[in-house]
Amino acid sequence: MFSTYFMEKWAPRQDDMLFYVRRKLAYSSSESGADGRKAAEPEVEVEVYRRDSKKLPGLGDPDIDWEESVCLNLILQKLDYMVTCAVCTRADGGDIHIHKKKSQQVFASPSKHPMDSKGEESKISYPNIFFMIDSF
């Protein structure tokens, strides 16, 4: 499915980036199993590659969570999102009157960038998805 929808069929407006969710086992320092050894917890890492990269993970890579990778690429590349902001008032009767409304297309991202400071690089936020709005 990943190959069919994201590697072979490339729509003109589709991003040239592919997102892979890699699962790794990380050993927790605070918890230990019944035998006193540290318990292994799954850790998630998002890897991003250009579609034409020679370093793309192989389709049989057992460390890639293919279900998560398909879902993430669907959310980021195949769905369209709009944000709408409106200035409204509510009459005594409960009806809402819209004075001004603006809508614009936004794009999903598995990373976030603090808007209150400049110069900081974005940080991966997966599984949270953010929408950058800087011209509203």
Protein backbone atom coordinates (compact mmCIF):
# COMPACT_ATOMS: atom_id res chain seq x y z
CA MET A 1 0.00 0.00 0.00
CA PHE A 2 2.83 2.41 0.90
CA SER A 3 4.56 1.82 -2.41
CA THR A 4 1.36 2.12 -4.47
CA TYR A 5 0.05 5.37 -2.98
CA PHE A 6 3.18 7.27 -2.02
CA MET A 7 6.08 6.04 -4.13
CA GLU A 8 4.52 5.24 -7.52
CA LYS A 9 1.51 7.56 -7.89
CA TRP A 10 2.88 11.04 -7.48
CA ALA A 11 0.31 13.80 -7.91
CA PRO A 12 1.65 17.16 -9.16
CA ARG A 13 0.83 18.99 -5.91
CA GLN A 14 2.07 16.18 -3.68
CA ASP A 15 5.11 16.81 -1.52
CA ASP A 16 8.33 15.12 -2.60
CA MET A 17 8.99 14.04 1.00
CA LEU A 18 8.19 10.60 2.43
CA PHE A 19 7.71 10.05 6.15
CA TYR A 20 8.63 6.78 7.84
CA VAL A 21 7.77 5.84 11.43
CA ARG A 22 10.56 3.75 12.91
CA ARG A 23 10.05 1.80 16.13
CA LYS A 24 13.01 1.27 18.43
CA LEU A 25 13.21 -0.33 21.85
CA ALA A 26 14.48 2.04 24.52
CA TYR A 27 15.35 0.89 28.00
CA SER A 28 13.65 2.85 30.75
CA SER A 29 15.90 3.88 33.61
CA SER A 30 13.13 4.19 36.21
CA GLU A 31 11.19 0.96 35.77
CA SER A 32 12.48 -2.56 35.91
CA GLY A 33 10.95 -5.92 35.18
CA ALA A 34 10.24 -8.67 37.72
CA ASP A 35 13.76 -10.01 37.30
CA GLY A 36 15.37 -6.64 38.08
CA ARG A 37 16.34 -5.81 34.49
CA LYS A 38 15.23 -2.59 32.89
CA ALA A 39 12.02 -2.87 30.88
CA ALA A 40 12.13 -2.13 27.14
CA GLU A 41 9.68 0.50 25.93
CA PRO A 42 8.89 1.21 22.29
CA GLU A 43 10.29 4.53 21.10
CA VAL A 44 9.05 6.20 17.93
CA GLU A 45 11.22 8.15 15.52
CA VAL A 46 10.03 9.86 12.34
CA GLU A 47 12.45 9.78 9.43
CA VAL A 48 12.00 12.04 6.42
CA TYR A 49 13.45 11.32 2.98
CA ARG A 50 13.09 12.87 -0.45
CA ARG A 51 11.17 10.60 -2.78
CA ASP A 52 14.18 10.13 -5.08
CA SER A 53 16.71 9.51 -2.25
CA LYS A 54 19.04 6.53 -2.52
CA LYS A 55 18.74 6.06 1.27
CA LEU A 56 15.00 5.20 1.41
CA PRO A 57 14.25 2.34 3.82
CA GLY A 58 13.45 -0.92 2.02
CA LEU A 59 9.81 -1.96 1.79
CA GLY A 60 10.59 -5.05 3.88
CA ASP A 61 12.37 -3.16 6.68
CA PRO A 62 11.05 -4.76 9.91
CA ASP A 63 11.91 -1.68 12.02
CA ILE A 64 9.48 0.52 10.07
CA ASP A 65 5.92 0.60 11.38
CA TRP A 66 4.25 0.45 7.97
CA GLU A 67 0.70 0.99 9.24
CA GLU A 68 1.75 4.16 11.08
CA SER A 69 3.82 5.31 8.09
CA VAL A 70 0.86 4.92 5.71
CA CYS A 71 -1.45 6.80 8.09
CA LEU A 72 1.08 9.60 8.62
CA ASN A 73 1.65 10.07 4.87
CA LEU A 74 -2.13 10.05 4.27
CA ILE A 75 -2.63 12.77 6.88
CA LEU A 76 0.27 14.88 5.64
CA GLN A 77 -0.10 14.51 1.87
CA LYS A 78 -3.51 13.29 0.77
CA LEU A 79 -5.91 15.35 2.91
CA ASP A 80 -6.73 19.04 2.48
CA TYR A 81 -7.18 21.32 5.49
CA MET A 82 -8.73 24.77 5.85
CA VAL A 83 -8.62 27.11 8.82
CA THR A 84 -11.35 29.70 9.24
CA CYS A 85 -11.33 32.69 11.56
CA ALA A 86 -14.42 34.85 12.03
CA VAL A 87 -15.48 37.94 13.97
CA CYS A 88 -19.03 37.37 15.19
CA THR A 89 -21.65 38.79 17.52
CA ARG A 90 -24.59 37.04 19.09
CA ALA A 91 -27.97 38.78 19.13
CA ASP A 92 -30.36 38.58 22.08
CA GLY A 93 -32.32 35.91 20.24
CA GLY A 94 -29.23 33.71 20.08
CA ASP A 95 -28.55 34.14 16.36
CA ILE A 96 -24.93 34.62 15.38
CA HIS A 97 -24.05 37.42 12.97
CA ILE A 98 -20.74 37.10 11.09
CA HIS A 99 -19.04 40.47 10.53
CA LYS A 100 -15.87 39.26 8.89
CA LYS A 101 -14.56 35.84 7.92
CA LYS A 102 -11.31 34.62 6.42
CA SER A 103 -10.38 31.09 5.35
CA GLN A 104 -7.12 29.76 4.00
CA GLN A 105 -5.58 26.40 3.23
CA VAL A 106 -3.10 25.07 5.79
CA PHE A 107 -0.71 22.14 5.64
CA ALA A 108 -0.22 19.41 8.23
CA SER A 109 3.22 18.81 9.72
CA PRO A 110 4.65 16.24 12.13
CA SER A 111 6.84 18.98 13.61
CA LYS A 112 6.28 22.23 15.43
CA HIS A 113 8.05 25.55 15.37
CA PRO A 114 7.69 28.05 18.22
CA MET A 115 6.12 31.22 16.82
CA ASP A 116 7.10 33.40 19.79
CA SER A 117 10.83 33.18 19.09
CA LYS A 118 12.97 33.42 15.99
CA GLY A 119 15.88 31.28 14.93
CA GLU A 120 14.84 28.06 16.65
CA GLU A 121 14.55 25.03 14.47
CA SER A 122 11.44 22.89 14.33
CA LYS A 123 11.08 19.83 16.54
CA ILE A 124 9.38 16.57 15.62
CA SER A 125 6.04 16.42 17.44
CA TYR A 126 4.75 13.08 16.17
CA PRO A 127 2.20 11.67 16.97
CA ASN A 128 0.85 15.22 17.34
CA ILE A 129 0.17 17.01 14.07
CA PHE A 130 0.54 20.80 13.83
CA PHE A 131 -0.59 23.36 11.26
CA MET A 132 1.65 26.38 10.71
CA ILE A 133 -0.31 29.60 10.28
CA ASP A 134 1.96 32.62 9.95
CA SER A 135 0.00 34.90 7.62
CA PHE A 136 -3.38 35.04 9.34
